[in-house]
Amino acid sequence: MTFQAEPHSDLLPGWRNSLADYPWPSHFMPQRSSHKIHYIDQGEGEPMIMVHGNPTWSFYYRHLIAHFSQSQRAVALDHMGCGLSDKPDRYPYCLEQHIANLVDLVDRLDLTGITLLVHDWGGAIGLGAALRDLKRYKRFVLFNTGAFPPPFVPWRILACKIPLFGRVAVQGLNLFARSATWMATEQPAGLPAP
């Protein structure tokens, strides 16, 4: 079966069309569950896959996409639940599922000779995907990510793993992303309102 990307510019939120530095056509990869994963596929040549962390999305790589798509094929996905991908309530938001989604995208696009760029949680996802089919990958670029188990995990991240509390905090109250807007930015007061 041949995979066909599904461009759906009519499904994009209105604000998306006003982002001058994120001008590329969107593609959506359908999953067996009927949900869709959004990705950018821009340029031609040797493929470069960009895997974001949490709570970001492919917008994080906009400058690299603009630069490298001039000479290479730049592919950047939005993990399920992030960016322009679907955000289902009932979904296995776990490392193994995100790895499987990336493996599926690489297989469907039939990419080889890949340069893998990963950031944050994208490191575990991207490197996990590479280990499933290492012959497809040529180079690895790691940005601020953990490639090995850490000696300690901050309590704020561990709390997200508490069964009921974690689900309510992360999916119901958006606390992980909300706290990142003031803990992981250069502006002490957090990000300005849109």
C-alpha atoms as a PDB file:
ATOM      1  CA  MET A   1       0.000   0.000   0.000  1.00  0.00           C
ATOM      2  CA  THR A   2       1.388   3.404  -0.970  1.00  0.00           C
ATOM      3  CA  PHE A   3       1.155   6.164   1.606  1.00  0.00           C
ATOM      4  CA  GLN A   4      -0.329   9.438   0.421  1.00  0.00           C
ATOM      5  CA  ALA A   5       0.086  12.532   2.567  1.00  0.00           C
ATOM      6  CA  GLU A   6      -3.143  14.354   3.227  1.00  0.00           C
ATOM      7  CA  PRO A   7      -2.702  18.124   2.977  1.00  0.00           C
ATOM      8  CA  HIS A   8      -5.578  19.824   4.801  1.00  0.00           C
ATOM      9  CA  SER A   9      -5.011  23.564   4.797  1.00  0.00           C
ATOM     10  CA  ASP A  10      -8.748  24.041   5.385  1.00  0.00           C
ATOM     11  CA  LEU A  11      -8.441  22.272   8.764  1.00  0.00           C
ATOM     12  CA  LEU A  12      -5.797  24.616  10.148  1.00  0.00           C
ATOM     13  CA  PRO A  13      -6.699  27.162  12.785  1.00  0.00           C
ATOM     14  CA  GLY A  14      -7.006  30.736  11.501  1.00  0.00           C
ATOM     15  CA  TRP A  15      -3.946  31.932  13.424  1.00  0.00           C
ATOM     16  CA  ARG A  16      -1.769  29.389  11.581  1.00  0.00           C
ATOM     17  CA  ASN A  17      -2.123  31.318   8.312  1.00  0.00           C
ATOM     18  CA  SER A  18      -0.721  34.481   9.905  1.00  0.00           C
ATOM     19  CA  LEU A  19       2.619  32.947  10.957  1.00  0.00           C
ATOM     20  CA  ALA A  20       5.036  34.392   8.415  1.00  0.00           C
ATOM     21  CA  ASP A  21       7.942  32.237   9.598  1.00  0.00           C
ATOM     22  CA  TYR A  22       5.939  28.983   9.429  1.00  0.00           C
ATOM     23  CA  PRO A  23       4.624  29.139   5.846  1.00  0.00           C
ATOM     24  CA  TRP A  24       4.868  25.507   4.709  1.00  0.00           C
ATOM     25  CA  PRO A  25       1.984  23.300   3.644  1.00  0.00           C
ATOM     26  CA  SER A  26       0.790  20.931   6.325  1.00  0.00           C
ATOM     27  CA  HIS A  27       0.481  17.188   5.881  1.00  0.00           C
ATOM     28  CA  PHE A  28      -1.408  14.738   8.046  1.00  0.00           C
ATOM     29  CA  MET A  29      -0.640  11.069   8.562  1.00  0.00           C
ATOM     30  CA  PRO A  30      -3.754   9.069   9.434  1.00  0.00           C
ATOM     31  CA  GLN A  31      -3.444   6.442  12.142  1.00  0.00           C
ATOM     32  CA  ARG A  32      -5.401   3.225  12.514  1.00  0.00           C
ATOM     33  CA  SER A  33      -7.329   4.901  15.340  1.00  0.00           C
ATOM     34  CA  SER A  34      -8.636   7.555  12.875  1.00  0.00           C
ATOM     35  CA  HIS A  35      -6.523  10.257  14.533  1.00  0.00           C
ATOM     36  CA  LYS A  36      -4.053  12.276  12.457  1.00  0.00           C
ATOM     37  CA  ILE A  37      -0.478  13.337  13.080  1.00  0.00           C
ATOM     38  CA  HIS A  38       0.618  16.631  11.548  1.00  0.00           C
ATOM     39  CA  TYR A  39       3.992  17.056   9.886  1.00  0.00           C
ATOM     40  CA  ILE A  40       5.940  19.381   7.606  1.00  0.00           C
ATOM     41  CA  ASP A  41       7.733  17.854   4.609  1.00  0.00           C
ATOM     42  CA  GLN A  42       9.664  20.553   2.787  1.00  0.00           C
ATOM     43  CA  GLY A  43      12.500  20.479   0.261  1.00  0.00           C
ATOM     44  CA  GLU A  44      14.277  17.731  -1.626  1.00  0.00           C
ATOM     45  CA  GLY A  45      17.405  15.699  -1.099  1.00  0.00           C
ATOM     46  CA  GLU A  46      18.790  13.780   1.827  1.00  0.00           C
ATOM     47  CA  PRO A  47      16.159  13.669   4.606  1.00  0.00           C
ATOM     48  CA  MET A  48      16.491  15.417   7.920  1.00  0.00           C
ATOM     49  CA  ILE A  49      13.899  14.552  10.582  1.00  0.00           C
ATOM     50  CA  MET A  50      13.336  17.003  13.419  1.00  0.00           C
ATOM     51  CA  VAL A  51      11.725  15.614  16.585  1.00  0.00           C
ATOM     52  CA  HIS A  52      10.523  18.132  19.175  1.00  0.00           C
ATOM     53  CA  GLY A  53      10.204  17.792  22.924  1.00  0.00           C
ATOM     54  CA  ASN A  54       7.387  18.546  25.321  1.00  0.00           C
ATOM     55  CA  PRO A  55       5.409  20.836  25.378  1.00  0.00           C
ATOM     56  CA  THR A  56       6.592  22.222  22.024  1.00  0.00           C
ATOM     57  CA  TRP A  57       5.764  21.316  18.409  1.00  0.00           C
ATOM     58  CA  SER A  58       7.320  21.520  14.915  1.00  0.00           C
ATOM     59  CA  PHE A  59       7.213  25.318  15.139  1.00  0.00           C
ATOM     60  CA  TYR A  60      10.292  24.945  17.386  1.00  0.00           C
ATOM     61  CA  TYR A  61      12.280  23.960  14.270  1.00  0.00           C
ATOM     62  CA  ARG A  62      10.924  26.682  11.933  1.00  0.00           C
ATOM     63  CA  HIS A  63      14.315  28.369  11.385  1.00  0.00           C
ATOM     64  CA  LEU A  64      16.076  25.070  10.727  1.00  0.00           C
ATOM     65  CA  ILE A  65      13.323  24.014   8.307  1.00  0.00           C
ATOM     66  CA  ALA A  66      13.673  27.327   6.452  1.00  0.00           C
ATOM     67  CA  HIS A  67      17.454  26.956   6.205  1.00  0.00           C
ATOM     68  CA  PHE A  68      17.889  23.249   5.503  1.00  0.00           C
ATOM     69  CA  SER A  69      14.919  22.801   3.162  1.00  0.00           C
ATOM     70  CA  GLN A  70      16.896  24.814   0.612  1.00  0.00           C
ATOM     71  CA  SER A  71      19.257  21.861   0.126  1.00  0.00           C
ATOM     72  CA  GLN A  72      17.698  18.902   1.950  1.00  0.00           C
ATOM     73  CA  ARG A  73      14.333  17.338   2.694  1.00  0.00           C
ATOM     74  CA  ALA A  74      13.228  18.705   6.075  1.00  0.00           C
ATOM     75  CA  VAL A  75      10.582  16.669   7.893  1.00  0.00           C
ATOM     76  CA  ALA A  76       9.239  17.808  11.275  1.00  0.00           C
ATOM     77  CA  LEU A  77       6.286  16.162  12.973  1.00  0.00           C
ATOM     78  CA  ASP A  78       3.990  17.219  15.780  1.00  0.00           C
ATOM     79  CA  HIS A  79       3.592  14.420  18.316  1.00  0.00           C
ATOM     80  CA  MET A  80       0.027  13.335  18.957  1.00  0.00           C
ATOM     81  CA  GLY A  81      -1.442  15.856  21.388  1.00  0.00           C
ATOM     82  CA  CYS A  82       0.949  18.632  20.304  1.00  0.00           C
ATOM     83  CA  GLY A  83       0.882  21.410  17.721  1.00  0.00           C
ATOM     84  CA  LEU A  84      -1.468  20.748  14.821  1.00  0.00           C
ATOM     85  CA  SER A  85      -1.804  16.992  15.452  1.00  0.00           C
ATOM     86  CA  ASP A  86      -5.030  15.642  16.907  1.00  0.00           C
ATOM     87  CA  LYS A  87      -5.463  15.832  20.666  1.00  0.00           C
ATOM     88  CA  PRO A  88      -7.711  12.922  21.616  1.00  0.00           C
ATOM     89  CA  ASP A  89      -8.779  12.504  25.252  1.00  0.00           C
ATOM     90  CA  ARG A  90      -8.395   8.742  25.187  1.00  0.00           C
ATOM     91  CA  TYR A  91      -5.003   7.977  23.711  1.00  0.00           C
ATOM     92  CA  PRO A  92      -1.902   6.149  24.956  1.00  0.00           C
ATOM     93  CA  TYR A  93       0.307   9.219  25.424  1.00  0.00           C
ATOM     94  CA  CYS A  94       3.398   7.206  26.306  1.00  0.00           C
ATOM     95  CA  LEU A  95       6.954   6.916  25.031  1.00  0.00           C
ATOM     96  CA  GLU A  96       6.349   3.631  23.202  1.00  0.00           C
ATOM     97  CA  GLN A  97       3.378   5.065  21.277  1.00  0.00           C
ATOM     98  CA  HIS A  98       5.286   8.203  20.244  1.00  0.00           C
ATOM     99  CA  ILE A  99       8.193   6.028  19.073  1.00  0.00           C
ATOM    100  CA  ALA A 100       5.777   3.841  17.098  1.00  0.00           C
ATOM    101  CA  ASN A 101       4.254   6.959  15.478  1.00  0.00           C
ATOM    102  CA  LEU A 102       7.672   8.195  14.352  1.00  0.00           C
ATOM    103  CA  VAL A 103       8.648   4.746  13.049  1.00  0.00           C
ATOM    104  CA  ASP A 104       5.364   4.679  11.117  1.00  0.00           C
ATOM    105  CA  LEU A 105       6.049   8.095   9.559  1.00  0.00           C
ATOM    106  CA  VAL A 106       9.592   7.106   8.529  1.00  0.00           C
ATOM    107  CA  ASP A 107       8.283   3.861   7.023  1.00  0.00           C
ATOM    108  CA  ARG A 108       5.391   5.486   5.183  1.00  0.00           C
ATOM    109  CA  LEU A 109       7.624   8.180   3.713  1.00  0.00           C
ATOM    110  CA  ASP A 110      10.246   5.490   3.022  1.00  0.00           C
ATOM    111  CA  LEU A 111      13.103   7.659   4.285  1.00  0.00           C
ATOM    112  CA  THR A 112      16.733   6.489   4.267  1.00  0.00           C
ATOM    113  CA  GLY A 113      20.045   8.244   4.909  1.00  0.00           C
ATOM    114  CA  ILE A 114      18.306  10.242   7.655  1.00  0.00           C
ATOM    115  CA  THR A 115      19.929  12.954   9.738  1.00  0.00           C
ATOM    116  CA  LEU A 116      17.987  12.877  13.013  1.00  0.00           C
ATOM    117  CA  LEU A 117      17.695  16.098  15.049  1.00  0.00           C
ATOM    118  CA  VAL A 118      16.165  15.744  18.508  1.00  0.00           C
ATOM    119  CA  HIS A 119      15.407  18.054  21.413  1.00  0.00           C
ATOM    120  CA  ASP A 120      14.181  17.403  24.940  1.00  0.00           C
ATOM    121  CA  TRP A 121      11.750  14.433  25.039  1.00  0.00           C
ATOM    122  CA  GLY A 122      12.248  14.136  21.286  1.00  0.00           C
ATOM    123  CA  GLY A 123      15.609  12.542  22.143  1.00  0.00           C
ATOM    124  CA  ALA A 124      14.014   9.495  23.731  1.00  0.00           C
ATOM    125  CA  ILE A 125      11.428   9.308  20.948  1.00  0.00           C
ATOM    126  CA  GLY A 126      13.842   9.836  18.045  1.00  0.00           C
ATOM    127  CA  LEU A 127      16.598   7.593  19.361  1.00  0.00           C
ATOM    128  CA  GLY A 128      14.009   4.926  20.208  1.00  0.00           C
ATOM    129  CA  ALA A 129      12.739   5.067  16.630  1.00  0.00           C
ATOM    130  CA  ALA A 130      16.285   4.897  15.239  1.00  0.00           C
ATOM    131  CA  LEU A 131      17.026   1.776  17.273  1.00  0.00           C
ATOM    132  CA  ARG A 132      14.047   0.050  15.633  1.00  0.00           C
ATOM    133  CA  ASP A 133      15.575   0.422  12.134  1.00  0.00           C
ATOM    134  CA  LEU A 134      19.114   1.770  12.461  1.00  0.00           C
ATOM    135  CA  LYS A 135      20.012   1.177   8.797  1.00  0.00           C
ATOM    136  CA  ARG A 136      17.742   4.083   7.800  1.00  0.00           C
ATOM    137  CA  TYR A 137      19.789   6.600   9.828  1.00  0.00           C
ATOM    138  CA  LYS A 138      23.065   8.283   8.896  1.00  0.00           C
ATOM    139  CA  ARG A 139      23.665  11.074  11.441  1.00  0.00           C
ATOM    140  CA  PHE A 140      22.420  12.128  14.885  1.00  0.00           C
ATOM    141  CA  VAL A 141      22.219  15.660  16.297  1.00  0.00           C
ATOM    142  CA  LEU A 142      21.124  15.960  19.933  1.00  0.00           C
ATOM    143  CA  PHE A 143      19.996  19.278  21.431  1.00  0.00           C
ATOM    144  CA  ASN A 144      19.531  19.472  25.202  1.00  0.00           C
ATOM    145  CA  THR A 145      18.160  15.979  25.599  1.00  0.00           C
ATOM    146  CA  GLY A 146      18.755  12.920  27.718  1.00  0.00           C
ATOM    147  CA  ALA A 147      20.195   9.946  25.904  1.00  0.00           C
ATOM    148  CA  PHE A 148      20.710   7.956  29.106  1.00  0.00           C
ATOM    149  CA  PRO A 149      18.611   7.460  32.259  1.00  0.00           C
ATOM    150  CA  PRO A 150      19.105  10.524  34.482  1.00  0.00           C
ATOM    151  CA  PRO A 151      20.579  10.230  37.979  1.00  0.00           C
ATOM    152  CA  PHE A 152      17.473  11.979  39.314  1.00  0.00           C
ATOM    153  CA  VAL A 153      14.109  13.166  37.973  1.00  0.00           C
ATOM    154  CA  PRO A 154      12.565  16.445  39.234  1.00  0.00           C
ATOM    155  CA  TRP A 155       9.495  15.936  41.446  1.00  0.00           C
ATOM    156  CA  ARG A 156       7.373  18.041  39.062  1.00  0.00           C
ATOM    157  CA  ILE A 157       7.945  15.484  36.299  1.00  0.00           C
ATOM    158  CA  LEU A 158       7.553  12.473  38.595  1.00  0.00           C
ATOM    159  CA  ALA A 159       4.208  13.862  39.809  1.00  0.00           C
ATOM    160  CA  CYS A 160       2.916  13.645  36.234  1.00  0.00           C
ATOM    161  CA  LYS A 161       3.267   9.851  36.473  1.00  0.00           C
ATOM    162  CA  ILE A 162       0.896   9.519  39.459  1.00  0.00           C
ATOM    163  CA  PRO A 163      -2.048   7.644  37.868  1.00  0.00           C
ATOM    164  CA  LEU A 164      -5.140   9.817  38.391  1.00  0.00           C
ATOM    165  CA  PHE A 165      -3.387  13.026  39.476  1.00  0.00           C
ATOM    166  CA  GLY A 166      -1.022  12.998  36.473  1.00  0.00           C
ATOM    167  CA  ARG A 167      -3.821  12.581  33.940  1.00  0.00           C
ATOM    168  CA  VAL A 168      -5.910  15.387  35.464  1.00  0.00           C
ATOM    169  CA  ALA A 169      -2.910  17.702  35.868  1.00  0.00           C
ATOM    170  CA  VAL A 170      -1.454  17.173  32.385  1.00  0.00           C
ATOM    171  CA  GLN A 171      -4.516  16.594  30.209  1.00  0.00           C
ATOM    172  CA  GLY A 172      -7.253  18.275  32.221  1.00  0.00           C
ATOM    173  CA  LEU A 173      -5.493  21.336  33.629  1.00  0.00           C
ATOM    174  CA  ASN A 174      -2.567  21.582  31.171  1.00  0.00           C
ATOM    175  CA  LEU A 175      -0.212  22.131  34.119  1.00  0.00           C
ATOM    176  CA  PHE A 176       2.885  20.706  32.440  1.00  0.00           C
ATOM    177  CA  ALA A 177       2.690  23.093  29.475  1.00  0.00           C
ATOM    178  CA  ARG A 178       1.467  25.987  31.616  1.00  0.00           C
ATOM    179  CA  SER A 179       4.381  25.734  34.048  1.00  0.00           C
ATOM    180  CA  ALA A 180       6.850  25.470  31.142  1.00  0.00           C
ATOM    181  CA  THR A 181       5.764  28.929  29.957  1.00  0.00           C
ATOM    182  CA  TRP A 182       7.382  30.490  33.029  1.00  0.00           C
ATOM    183  CA  MET A 183       9.980  27.888  34.058  1.00  0.00           C
ATOM    184  CA  ALA A 184      11.602  27.341  30.664  1.00  0.00           C
ATOM    185  CA  THR A 185      11.616  30.820  29.147  1.00  0.00           C
ATOM    186  CA  GLU A 186      14.008  33.723  29.291  1.00  0.00           C
ATOM    187  CA  GLN A 187      11.256  36.073  30.417  1.00  0.00           C
ATOM    188  CA  PRO A 188      10.749  35.560  34.174  1.00  0.00           C
ATOM    189  CA  ALA A 189       7.026  36.329  33.959  1.00  0.00           C
ATOM    190  CA  GLY A 190       6.484  33.714  31.267  1.00  0.00           C
ATOM    191  CA  LEU A 191       5.335  34.056  27.703  1.00  0.00           C
ATOM    192  CA  PRO A 192       3.168  37.026  26.684  1.00  0.00           C
ATOM    193  CA  ALA A 193      -0.478  36.346  25.907  1.00  0.00           C
ATOM    194  CA  PRO A 194      -1.223  35.810  22.183  1.00  0.00           C
END
